[in-house]
Amino acid sequence: MFLAIIFAITITAFLCWLLFTLAVYALPLFAAVMAGTWAHATGAGFIVAGAVGVAAGAATLIIAQILFATVRSPIIRAGIAFAFALPAAFAGYHAVHGIAAIAVPTEAWRQVFASIGAVVVGGAAWIRTAAVRAAT
């Protein structure tokens, strides 16, 4: 029983680290999934829809990096960082809400924790986006 608790804590910590690390890529992932879903819904096969999704996600990331590297206006750069932080906050909200559903019995406190998680993950994605893009 003790090993199961240690294992659960370790896995939870790993998944939280993974969430913070990959939160920056929530926008390209969202674009890839939406483009792949659209391509499949219009009659493309799974392979073509997957290729469309990969191309859309890569294009989203590359275009954002080019814009961030060439645009000098802090307002536009903040807008690009916000575009990357918003889907990350959405993912953080749902991740924390799912974890809180296991441990927190009342829905009001789940919403509070999930909202705090959205702000923290979105803020971390905003900072990581600005720091990574400013360094390149």
Protein backbone atom coordinates (compact mmCIF):
# COMPACT_ATOMS: atom_id res chain seq x y z
CA MET A 1 0.00 0.00 0.00
CA PHE A 2 2.82 2.37 0.87
CA LEU A 3 4.52 1.75 -2.48
CA ALA A 4 1.26 2.46 -4.30
CA ILE A 5 0.97 5.85 -2.58
CA ILE A 6 4.59 6.71 -3.40
CA PHE A 7 4.03 5.60 -7.01
CA ALA A 8 0.86 7.70 -7.29
CA ILE A 9 2.63 10.78 -5.92
CA THR A 10 5.56 10.23 -8.29
CA ILE A 11 3.29 9.83 -11.32
CA THR A 12 1.26 12.91 -10.34
CA ALA A 13 4.43 14.98 -9.98
CA PHE A 14 5.69 13.72 -13.35
CA LEU A 15 2.40 14.59 -15.05
CA CYS A 16 2.42 18.08 -13.50
CA TRP A 17 5.97 18.61 -14.75
CA LEU A 18 4.88 17.37 -18.20
CA LEU A 19 1.90 19.72 -18.18
CA PHE A 20 4.09 22.75 -17.38
CA THR A 21 6.72 21.72 -19.94
CA LEU A 22 4.32 21.06 -22.80
CA ALA A 23 1.82 23.83 -22.05
CA VAL A 24 3.62 26.12 -24.49
CA TYR A 25 2.69 23.76 -27.32
CA ALA A 26 -1.05 23.70 -26.60
CA LEU A 27 -1.86 26.13 -29.45
CA PRO A 28 -0.02 24.16 -32.17
CA LEU A 29 -1.55 20.95 -30.84
CA PHE A 30 -5.01 22.51 -30.91
CA ALA A 31 -4.46 23.72 -34.48
CA ALA A 32 -3.21 20.29 -35.52
CA VAL A 33 -6.15 18.44 -33.98
CA MET A 34 -8.70 20.84 -35.44
CA ALA A 35 -7.17 20.75 -38.93
CA GLY A 36 -6.89 16.95 -38.85
CA THR A 37 -10.48 16.62 -37.65
CA TRP A 38 -11.68 18.99 -40.36
CA ALA A 39 -9.75 17.09 -43.05
CA HIS A 40 -11.16 13.77 -41.88
CA ALA A 41 -14.70 15.17 -41.73
CA THR A 42 -14.43 16.38 -45.33
CA GLY A 43 -13.63 12.88 -46.56
CA ALA A 44 -9.87 12.53 -46.25
CA GLY A 45 -8.49 9.28 -44.91
CA PHE A 46 -6.71 8.88 -41.61
CA ILE A 47 -3.24 9.22 -43.12
CA VAL A 48 -4.06 12.38 -45.07
CA ALA A 49 -5.91 13.87 -42.10
CA GLY A 50 -2.91 13.13 -39.89
CA ALA A 51 -0.58 14.76 -42.40
CA VAL A 52 -2.84 17.83 -42.58
CA GLY A 53 -2.85 18.01 -38.78
CA VAL A 54 0.93 17.73 -38.51
CA ALA A 55 1.37 20.38 -41.22
CA ALA A 56 -1.07 22.75 -39.49
CA GLY A 57 0.59 22.32 -36.09
CA ALA A 58 4.07 22.83 -37.53
CA ALA A 59 2.92 25.84 -39.54
CA THR A 60 1.34 27.39 -36.45
CA LEU A 61 4.53 26.99 -34.44
CA ILE A 62 6.83 28.18 -37.23
CA ILE A 63 4.69 31.22 -38.09
CA ALA A 64 4.50 32.22 -34.42
CA GLN A 65 8.27 31.89 -34.03
CA ILE A 66 8.91 33.95 -37.16
CA LEU A 67 6.47 36.62 -36.01
CA PHE A 68 7.98 36.72 -32.55
CA ALA A 69 11.48 37.02 -33.99
CA THR A 70 10.66 39.77 -36.48
CA VAL A 71 8.04 41.88 -34.71
CA ARG A 72 9.49 44.42 -32.28
CA SER A 73 6.24 45.85 -30.92
CA PRO A 74 5.75 44.70 -27.32
CA ILE A 75 1.96 44.77 -27.72
CA ILE A 76 2.01 42.39 -30.68
CA ARG A 77 4.54 40.15 -28.92
CA ALA A 78 2.31 40.09 -25.84
CA GLY A 79 -0.62 39.17 -28.10
CA ILE A 80 1.32 36.26 -29.58
CA ALA A 81 2.31 35.09 -26.09
CA PHE A 82 -1.34 35.43 -25.02
CA ALA A 83 -2.41 33.31 -28.01
CA PHE A 84 -0.09 30.57 -26.75
CA ALA A 85 -1.06 31.04 -23.08
CA LEU A 86 -4.83 30.85 -23.57
CA PRO A 87 -5.02 27.19 -24.72
CA ALA A 88 -2.44 26.33 -22.04
CA ALA A 89 -4.69 27.89 -19.39
CA PHE A 90 -7.61 25.89 -20.77
CA ALA A 91 -5.57 22.69 -20.51
CA GLY A 92 -4.38 23.61 -17.01
CA TYR A 93 -7.96 24.23 -15.88
CA HIS A 94 -9.10 20.81 -17.04
CA ALA A 95 -6.02 19.02 -15.71
CA VAL A 96 -6.40 20.51 -12.23
CA HIS A 97 -10.16 19.98 -12.30
CA GLY A 98 -9.59 16.30 -13.09
CA ILE A 99 -7.08 15.91 -10.28
CA ALA A 100 -9.29 17.85 -7.87
CA ALA A 101 -12.24 15.61 -8.73
CA ILE A 102 -10.36 12.76 -7.09
CA ALA A 103 -9.55 14.54 -3.84
CA VAL A 104 -12.01 17.42 -3.36
CA PRO A 105 -15.61 16.51 -2.53
CA THR A 106 -17.35 19.82 -3.27
CA GLU A 107 -17.76 21.28 -6.74
CA ALA A 108 -17.21 24.86 -5.57
CA TRP A 109 -13.71 24.07 -4.30
CA ARG A 110 -12.96 22.07 -7.45
CA GLN A 111 -13.78 25.17 -9.48
CA VAL A 112 -11.58 27.33 -7.24
CA PHE A 113 -8.62 24.96 -7.55
CA ALA A 114 -9.18 24.54 -11.30
CA SER A 115 -9.30 28.31 -11.80
CA ILE A 116 -6.09 28.74 -9.85
CA GLY A 117 -4.54 25.96 -11.94
CA ALA A 118 -5.62 27.72 -15.13
CA VAL A 119 -3.99 30.96 -14.03
CA VAL A 120 -0.78 29.23 -12.95
CA VAL A 121 -0.40 27.08 -16.08
CA GLY A 122 -1.40 29.93 -18.39
CA GLY A 123 1.03 32.26 -16.65
CA ALA A 124 3.80 29.69 -16.88
CA ALA A 125 3.12 29.23 -20.58
CA TRP A 126 3.11 33.01 -21.08
CA ILE A 127 6.47 33.36 -19.32
CA ARG A 128 7.99 30.36 -21.12
CA THR A 129 6.76 31.62 -24.49
CA ALA A 130 8.18 35.08 -23.93
CA ALA A 131 11.47 33.73 -22.54
CA VAL A 132 12.03 31.11 -25.25
CA ARG A 133 11.09 33.41 -28.09
CA ALA A 134 13.13 36.32 -26.71
CA ALA A 135 16.24 34.15 -26.46
CA THR A 136 16.07 33.05 -30.09
